[in-house]
Every structure is written in C-alpha cells, then in structure tokens.
Amino acid sequence: MLQDLKISQKYALALFKACEKAKSIKAVTADLVCLKEAWNQSAKLIEFINSPIHNSNTRTQLLDTISKKLHLHSNIKNLLCILAINRRLNLLVLIVNDYLKLYRDANNEQLVKITTTHKLSVDQSTTIKKSLELQLDKKIIIKNIIDESILGGIIIQIDSFVIDNSTSNKLNNIQLLINNKFKESS
C-alpha cells in the first residue's frame, strides 16, 4: 500500500507538471473530478478494465472511447493509457487525490470534510469557512458529508487531523468510562 502511495504521487506530480507546462491545470482538474466520480460509480467497468483476460490494446481502446465520450483533456487520456499499459489503473483514484492535493497546495486551498446528520445551511457553512480561513490562512473548500449514524453534532477533518464532536463519539466515550469503572470495581 505504501508503495502504491509513492507511485501515485509520482504519476500525480508528472501530470501536474505536464499541465503546468501546457497551461491546462484548471481544465484538467475539472476533468479529473468528473472522471473520479464516474470511476467510483462504475465498479463493473473497473473490473472489466482490470481483468487479466484483456490485453493492453483492448484496455487502451476502451479508455480512449471513455475519454472521448467524457471529453477528457488529452493529458488525462494519455495518463489513462499509460496506467492501462502498466496495469496500474487501480491507482487512478489515488493519483487523482494526489493531483488535487497538489492543485490545492498551489492555490493555497484547504479541503475540510465536515460530517453532520444533515446538510449544512449556507450560514453555517459560511461561518465555519470564515473561521477556518482566518485560522489556517488558506482558502477553505468545505465538503459536507451527511452521515446519520453520528446521531448529532459535527466531525471536522482537515487532512489527518480530526475533531470529533459527534453524539455517537460522546456516547462511545461514556460507554468506555462506564466499562472502565465497572472493571475497576470488580
């Protein structure tokens, strides 16, 4: 897994530099976001493309068709073909994530994942965004994740830093305290 991360970072950096040189970063970034969504929703397609019974030509022809249908930038089409030939299409989502991180770093942006039981209102989102922009000195991009299993409250994730102020987390902490007290008294 660690090797996959290193490989995906190299592909992402190569793509980012090629896009910088071609002055196509914004177009490629938008296409990559669309491709990632389509890719995540197409388990059967991924299984078909990654199947060992298909040769490189079959995979590259299929990816060429997909690239044309989605009107993907030529840099992305080239990346897909290289990944297909090298049998590394399983790394596509990692590569896209690494590329998006490079893009956000270059534009002084920070992705913040906010998990709630309901969609944040515009006011809530704006308040959180302004507060974090002041603290982090970066443009904040909020991704609101709806998860009713947290029961209430909020979870804020910035890269690997997590603030979990959810009701489910509080209940789990209370349960741990009760269990520890019960063990101590036994």
C-alpha atoms as a PDB file:
ATOM      1  CA  MET A   1       0.000   0.000   0.000  1.00  0.00           C
ATOM      2  CA  LEU A   2       2.826   2.401   0.865  1.00  0.00           C
ATOM      3  CA  GLN A   3       4.463   1.659  -2.471  1.00  0.00           C
ATOM      4  CA  ASP A   4       1.140   2.417  -4.221  1.00  0.00           C
ATOM      5  CA  LEU A   5       1.059   5.804  -2.480  1.00  0.00           C
ATOM      6  CA  LYS A   6       4.581   6.610  -3.651  1.00  0.00           C
ATOM      7  CA  ILE A   7       3.780   5.515  -7.203  1.00  0.00           C
ATOM      8  CA  SER A   8       0.525   7.502  -7.277  1.00  0.00           C
ATOM      9  CA  GLN A   9       2.351  10.608  -6.047  1.00  0.00           C
ATOM     10  CA  LYS A  10       4.877  10.286  -8.881  1.00  0.00           C
ATOM     11  CA  TYR A  11       2.143   9.954 -11.504  1.00  0.00           C
ATOM     12  CA  ALA A  12       0.223  12.885  -9.977  1.00  0.00           C
ATOM     13  CA  LEU A  13       3.308  15.095  -9.926  1.00  0.00           C
ATOM     14  CA  ALA A  14       4.162  14.213 -13.532  1.00  0.00           C
ATOM     15  CA  LEU A  15       0.583  15.014 -14.620  1.00  0.00           C
ATOM     16  CA  PHE A  16       0.572  18.274 -12.654  1.00  0.00           C
ATOM     17  CA  LYS A  17       3.876  19.410 -14.183  1.00  0.00           C
ATOM     18  CA  ALA A  18       2.700  18.491 -17.692  1.00  0.00           C
ATOM     19  CA  CYS A  19      -0.470  20.516 -17.104  1.00  0.00           C
ATOM     20  CA  GLU A  20       1.530  23.460 -15.764  1.00  0.00           C
ATOM     21  CA  LYS A  21       3.669  23.397 -18.884  1.00  0.00           C
ATOM     22  CA  ALA A  22       0.589  23.181 -21.143  1.00  0.00           C
ATOM     23  CA  LYS A  23      -1.270  25.791 -19.035  1.00  0.00           C
ATOM     24  CA  SER A  24      -4.178  23.381 -18.684  1.00  0.00           C
ATOM     25  CA  ILE A  25      -4.332  22.911 -14.915  1.00  0.00           C
ATOM     26  CA  LYS A  26      -7.894  24.204 -14.438  1.00  0.00           C
ATOM     27  CA  ALA A  27      -9.324  22.185 -17.334  1.00  0.00           C
ATOM     28  CA  VAL A  28      -7.556  19.001 -16.268  1.00  0.00           C
ATOM     29  CA  THR A  29      -8.568  19.485 -12.635  1.00  0.00           C
ATOM     30  CA  ALA A  30     -12.246  19.814 -13.583  1.00  0.00           C
ATOM     31  CA  ASP A  31     -11.993  16.747 -15.835  1.00  0.00           C
ATOM     32  CA  LEU A  32     -10.281  14.721 -13.099  1.00  0.00           C
ATOM     33  CA  VAL A  33     -13.049  15.488 -10.621  1.00  0.00           C
ATOM     34  CA  CYS A  34     -15.644  14.261 -13.163  1.00  0.00           C
ATOM     35  CA  LEU A  35     -13.559  11.202 -14.014  1.00  0.00           C
ATOM     36  CA  LYS A  36     -13.147  10.291 -10.342  1.00  0.00           C
ATOM     37  CA  GLU A  37     -16.905  10.461  -9.775  1.00  0.00           C
ATOM     38  CA  ALA A  38     -17.596   8.346 -12.860  1.00  0.00           C
ATOM     39  CA  TRP A  39     -14.858   5.892 -11.908  1.00  0.00           C
ATOM     40  CA  ASN A  40     -16.189   5.468  -8.355  1.00  0.00           C
ATOM     41  CA  GLN A  41     -19.662   4.708  -9.700  1.00  0.00           C
ATOM     42  CA  SER A  42     -18.511   2.102 -12.242  1.00  0.00           C
ATOM     43  CA  ALA A  43     -17.382  -0.992 -10.351  1.00  0.00           C
ATOM     44  CA  LYS A  44     -18.174  -3.313 -13.282  1.00  0.00           C
ATOM     45  CA  LEU A  45     -16.241  -1.134 -15.712  1.00  0.00           C
ATOM     46  CA  ILE A  46     -13.217  -1.107 -13.418  1.00  0.00           C
ATOM     47  CA  GLU A  47     -13.448  -4.878 -13.024  1.00  0.00           C
ATOM     48  CA  PHE A  48     -13.666  -5.263 -16.811  1.00  0.00           C
ATOM     49  CA  ILE A  49     -10.720  -2.959 -17.491  1.00  0.00           C
ATOM     50  CA  ASN A  50      -8.544  -4.572 -14.825  1.00  0.00           C
ATOM     51  CA  SER A  51      -9.377  -8.113 -15.912  1.00  0.00           C
ATOM     52  CA  PRO A  52      -6.238 -10.057 -16.857  1.00  0.00           C
ATOM     53  CA  ILE A  53      -8.008 -11.563 -19.877  1.00  0.00           C
ATOM     54  CA  HIS A  54      -7.886  -8.206 -21.685  1.00  0.00           C
ATOM     55  CA  ASN A  55      -4.696  -7.125 -23.354  1.00  0.00           C
ATOM     56  CA  SER A  56      -3.256  -3.615 -23.316  1.00  0.00           C
ATOM     57  CA  ASN A  57      -4.756  -2.754 -26.717  1.00  0.00           C
ATOM     58  CA  THR A  58      -8.281  -3.649 -25.590  1.00  0.00           C
ATOM     59  CA  ARG A  59      -7.902  -1.617 -22.407  1.00  0.00           C
ATOM     60  CA  THR A  60      -6.434   1.412 -24.179  1.00  0.00           C
ATOM     61  CA  GLN A  61      -9.153   1.313 -26.868  1.00  0.00           C
ATOM     62  CA  LEU A  62     -11.853   1.222 -24.196  1.00  0.00           C
ATOM     63  CA  LEU A  63     -10.229   4.069 -22.277  1.00  0.00           C
ATOM     64  CA  ASP A  64      -9.887   6.047 -25.497  1.00  0.00           C
ATOM     65  CA  THR A  65     -13.634   5.626 -26.071  1.00  0.00           C
ATOM     66  CA  ILE A  66     -14.394   6.692 -22.495  1.00  0.00           C
ATOM     67  CA  SER A  67     -12.077   9.706 -22.831  1.00  0.00           C
ATOM     68  CA  LYS A  68     -13.835  10.840 -25.993  1.00  0.00           C
ATOM     69  CA  LYS A  69     -17.302  10.299 -24.519  1.00  0.00           C
ATOM     70  CA  LEU A  70     -16.433  12.310 -21.399  1.00  0.00           C
ATOM     71  CA  HIS A  71     -14.493  14.913 -23.476  1.00  0.00           C
ATOM     72  CA  LEU A  72     -11.447  14.451 -21.265  1.00  0.00           C
ATOM     73  CA  HIS A  73      -8.321  16.523 -21.760  1.00  0.00           C
ATOM     74  CA  SER A  74      -5.582  14.809 -23.778  1.00  0.00           C
ATOM     75  CA  ASN A  75      -3.280  14.745 -20.711  1.00  0.00           C
ATOM     76  CA  ILE A  76      -5.841  12.637 -18.874  1.00  0.00           C
ATOM     77  CA  LYS A  77      -6.323  10.368 -21.877  1.00  0.00           C
ATOM     78  CA  ASN A  78      -2.548   9.854 -22.006  1.00  0.00           C
ATOM     79  CA  LEU A  79      -2.433   9.131 -18.277  1.00  0.00           C
ATOM     80  CA  LEU A  80      -5.202   6.537 -18.587  1.00  0.00           C
ATOM     81  CA  CYS A  81      -3.409   4.824 -21.459  1.00  0.00           C
ATOM     82  CA  ILE A  82      -0.112   4.726 -19.554  1.00  0.00           C
ATOM     83  CA  LEU A  83      -1.866   3.316 -16.490  1.00  0.00           C
ATOM     84  CA  ALA A  84      -3.606   0.683 -18.623  1.00  0.00           C
ATOM     85  CA  ILE A  85      -0.369  -0.376 -20.318  1.00  0.00           C
ATOM     86  CA  ASN A  86       1.425  -0.578 -16.962  1.00  0.00           C
ATOM     87  CA  ARG A  87      -1.554  -2.352 -15.325  1.00  0.00           C
ATOM     88  CA  ARG A  88      -1.894   0.413 -12.731  1.00  0.00           C
ATOM     89  CA  LEU A  89      -5.454   1.582 -13.324  1.00  0.00           C
ATOM     90  CA  ASN A  90      -6.213   0.520  -9.751  1.00  0.00           C
ATOM     91  CA  LEU A  91      -4.187   3.590  -8.693  1.00  0.00           C
ATOM     92  CA  LEU A  92      -6.348   6.095 -10.582  1.00  0.00           C
ATOM     93  CA  VAL A  93      -8.307   7.381  -7.577  1.00  0.00           C
ATOM     94  CA  LEU A  94      -5.098   7.729  -5.532  1.00  0.00           C
ATOM     95  CA  ILE A  95      -3.460   9.605  -8.403  1.00  0.00           C
ATOM     96  CA  VAL A  96      -6.450  11.945  -8.738  1.00  0.00           C
ATOM     97  CA  ASN A  97      -6.437  12.600  -4.978  1.00  0.00           C
ATOM     98  CA  ASP A  98      -2.701  13.332  -5.039  1.00  0.00           C
ATOM     99  CA  TYR A  99      -3.126  15.613  -8.059  1.00  0.00           C
ATOM    100  CA  LEU A 100      -5.972  17.501  -6.337  1.00  0.00           C
ATOM    101  CA  LYS A 101      -3.774  17.959  -3.265  1.00  0.00           C
ATOM    102  CA  LEU A 102      -1.027  19.431  -5.472  1.00  0.00           C
ATOM    103  CA  TYR A 103      -3.626  21.704  -7.091  1.00  0.00           C
ATOM    104  CA  ARG A 104      -4.966  22.872  -3.719  1.00  0.00           C
ATOM    105  CA  ASP A 105      -1.443  23.464  -2.380  1.00  0.00           C
ATOM    106  CA  ALA A 106      -0.547  25.522  -5.456  1.00  0.00           C
ATOM    107  CA  ASN A 107      -3.702  27.618  -4.969  1.00  0.00           C
ATOM    108  CA  ASN A 108      -3.384  27.936  -1.162  1.00  0.00           C
ATOM    109  CA  GLU A 109      -6.588  25.953  -0.642  1.00  0.00           C
ATOM    110  CA  GLN A 110      -7.520  23.512   2.094  1.00  0.00           C
ATOM    111  CA  LEU A 111     -10.178  20.812   1.803  1.00  0.00           C
ATOM    112  CA  VAL A 112     -12.182  20.423   5.003  1.00  0.00           C
ATOM    113  CA  LYS A 113     -14.552  17.493   5.376  1.00  0.00           C
ATOM    114  CA  ILE A 114     -17.445  18.243   7.689  1.00  0.00           C
ATOM    115  CA  THR A 115     -19.661  15.353   8.692  1.00  0.00           C
ATOM    116  CA  THR A 116     -23.135  16.128  10.024  1.00  0.00           C
ATOM    117  CA  THR A 117     -26.510  14.399  10.170  1.00  0.00           C
ATOM    118  CA  HIS A 118     -27.992  16.967   7.801  1.00  0.00           C
ATOM    119  CA  LYS A 119     -26.802  19.337   5.115  1.00  0.00           C
ATOM    120  CA  LEU A 120     -25.139  22.455   6.485  1.00  0.00           C
ATOM    121  CA  SER A 121     -27.066  25.655   5.888  1.00  0.00           C
ATOM    122  CA  VAL A 122     -25.417  28.418   3.876  1.00  0.00           C
ATOM    123  CA  ASP A 123     -24.969  30.434   7.087  1.00  0.00           C
ATOM    124  CA  GLN A 124     -23.366  27.512   8.947  1.00  0.00           C
ATOM    125  CA  SER A 125     -21.059  26.749   6.051  1.00  0.00           C
ATOM    126  CA  THR A 126     -20.061  30.412   5.675  1.00  0.00           C
ATOM    127  CA  THR A 127     -19.366  30.789   9.410  1.00  0.00           C
ATOM    128  CA  ILE A 128     -17.192  27.678   9.533  1.00  0.00           C
ATOM    129  CA  LYS A 129     -15.417  28.655   6.318  1.00  0.00           C
ATOM    130  CA  LYS A 130     -14.589  32.203   7.524  1.00  0.00           C
ATOM    131  CA  SER A 131     -13.374  30.961  10.909  1.00  0.00           C
ATOM    132  CA  LEU A 132     -11.105  28.318   9.378  1.00  0.00           C
ATOM    133  CA  GLU A 133      -9.780  30.715   6.724  1.00  0.00           C
ATOM    134  CA  LEU A 134      -8.671  33.095   9.476  1.00  0.00           C
ATOM    135  CA  GLN A 135      -7.030  30.302  11.476  1.00  0.00           C
ATOM    136  CA  LEU A 136      -5.352  28.480   8.585  1.00  0.00           C
ATOM    137  CA  ASP A 137      -4.665  31.454   6.310  1.00  0.00           C
ATOM    138  CA  LYS A 138      -5.934  29.433   3.347  1.00  0.00           C
ATOM    139  CA  LYS A 139      -8.990  29.407   1.145  1.00  0.00           C
ATOM    140  CA  ILE A 140     -11.274  26.747   2.600  1.00  0.00           C
ATOM    141  CA  ILE A 141     -13.226  24.282   0.486  1.00  0.00           C
ATOM    142  CA  ILE A 142     -15.921  22.542   2.501  1.00  0.00           C
ATOM    143  CA  LYS A 143     -17.113  19.067   1.646  1.00  0.00           C
ATOM    144  CA  ASN A 144     -20.230  18.339   3.694  1.00  0.00           C
ATOM    145  CA  ILE A 145     -20.711  14.628   4.310  1.00  0.00           C
ATOM    146  CA  ILE A 146     -24.125  13.516   5.523  1.00  0.00           C
ATOM    147  CA  ASP A 147     -23.966  10.591   7.971  1.00  0.00           C
ATOM    148  CA  GLU A 148     -26.969   9.954  10.184  1.00  0.00           C
ATOM    149  CA  SER A 149     -25.052   7.320  12.177  1.00  0.00           C
ATOM    150  CA  ILE A 150     -23.221  10.082  14.093  1.00  0.00           C
ATOM    151  CA  LEU A 151     -26.647  10.888  15.656  1.00  0.00           C
ATOM    152  CA  GLY A 152     -25.854  14.596  16.014  1.00  0.00           C
ATOM    153  CA  GLY A 153     -23.028  17.055  16.426  1.00  0.00           C
ATOM    154  CA  ILE A 154     -20.217  17.521  13.950  1.00  0.00           C
ATOM    155  CA  ILE A 155     -16.963  15.934  12.799  1.00  0.00           C
ATOM    156  CA  ILE A 156     -14.370  18.206  11.200  1.00  0.00           C
ATOM    157  CA  GLN A 157     -11.494  16.637   9.272  1.00  0.00           C
ATOM    158  CA  ILE A 158      -8.545  18.599   7.914  1.00  0.00           C
ATOM    159  CA  ASP A 159      -6.145  16.155   6.264  1.00  0.00           C
ATOM    160  CA  SER A 160      -5.430  13.627   9.051  1.00  0.00           C
ATOM    161  CA  PHE A 161      -6.468  15.985  11.893  1.00  0.00           C
ATOM    162  CA  VAL A 162      -9.969  15.162  13.165  1.00  0.00           C
ATOM    163  CA  ILE A 163     -12.189  16.962  15.660  1.00  0.00           C
ATOM    164  CA  ASP A 164     -14.985  14.551  16.556  1.00  0.00           C
ATOM    165  CA  ASN A 165     -17.740  16.338  18.442  1.00  0.00           C
ATOM    166  CA  SER A 166     -20.431  13.890  17.359  1.00  0.00           C
ATOM    167  CA  THR A 167     -23.086  12.482  19.645  1.00  0.00           C
ATOM    168  CA  SER A 168     -22.075   8.918  18.769  1.00  0.00           C
ATOM    169  CA  ASN A 169     -18.475   9.645  19.809  1.00  0.00           C
ATOM    170  CA  LYS A 170     -19.636  11.169  23.085  1.00  0.00           C
ATOM    171  CA  LEU A 171     -21.803   8.095  23.783  1.00  0.00           C
ATOM    172  CA  ASN A 172     -18.866   5.788  22.976  1.00  0.00           C
ATOM    173  CA  ASN A 173     -16.654   7.751  25.384  1.00  0.00           C
ATOM    174  CA  ILE A 174     -19.292   7.481  28.123  1.00  0.00           C
ATOM    175  CA  GLN A 175     -19.573   3.743  27.488  1.00  0.00           C
ATOM    176  CA  LEU A 176     -15.785   3.380  27.800  1.00  0.00           C
ATOM    177  CA  LEU A 177     -15.822   5.277  31.100  1.00  0.00           C
ATOM    178  CA  ILE A 178     -18.614   3.066  32.449  1.00  0.00           C
ATOM    179  CA  ASN A 179     -16.805  -0.085  31.328  1.00  0.00           C
ATOM    180  CA  ASN A 180     -13.555   1.093  32.945  1.00  0.00           C
ATOM    181  CA  LYS A 181     -15.343   1.957  36.206  1.00  0.00           C
ATOM    182  CA  PHE A 182     -17.062  -1.426  36.138  1.00  0.00           C
ATOM    183  CA  LYS A 183     -13.708  -3.203  35.640  1.00  0.00           C
ATOM    184  CA  GLU A 184     -12.141  -1.192  38.479  1.00  0.00           C
ATOM    185  CA  SER A 185     -14.931  -2.102  40.888  1.00  0.00           C
ATOM    186  CA  SER A 186     -14.816  -5.818  40.006  1.00  0.00           C
END
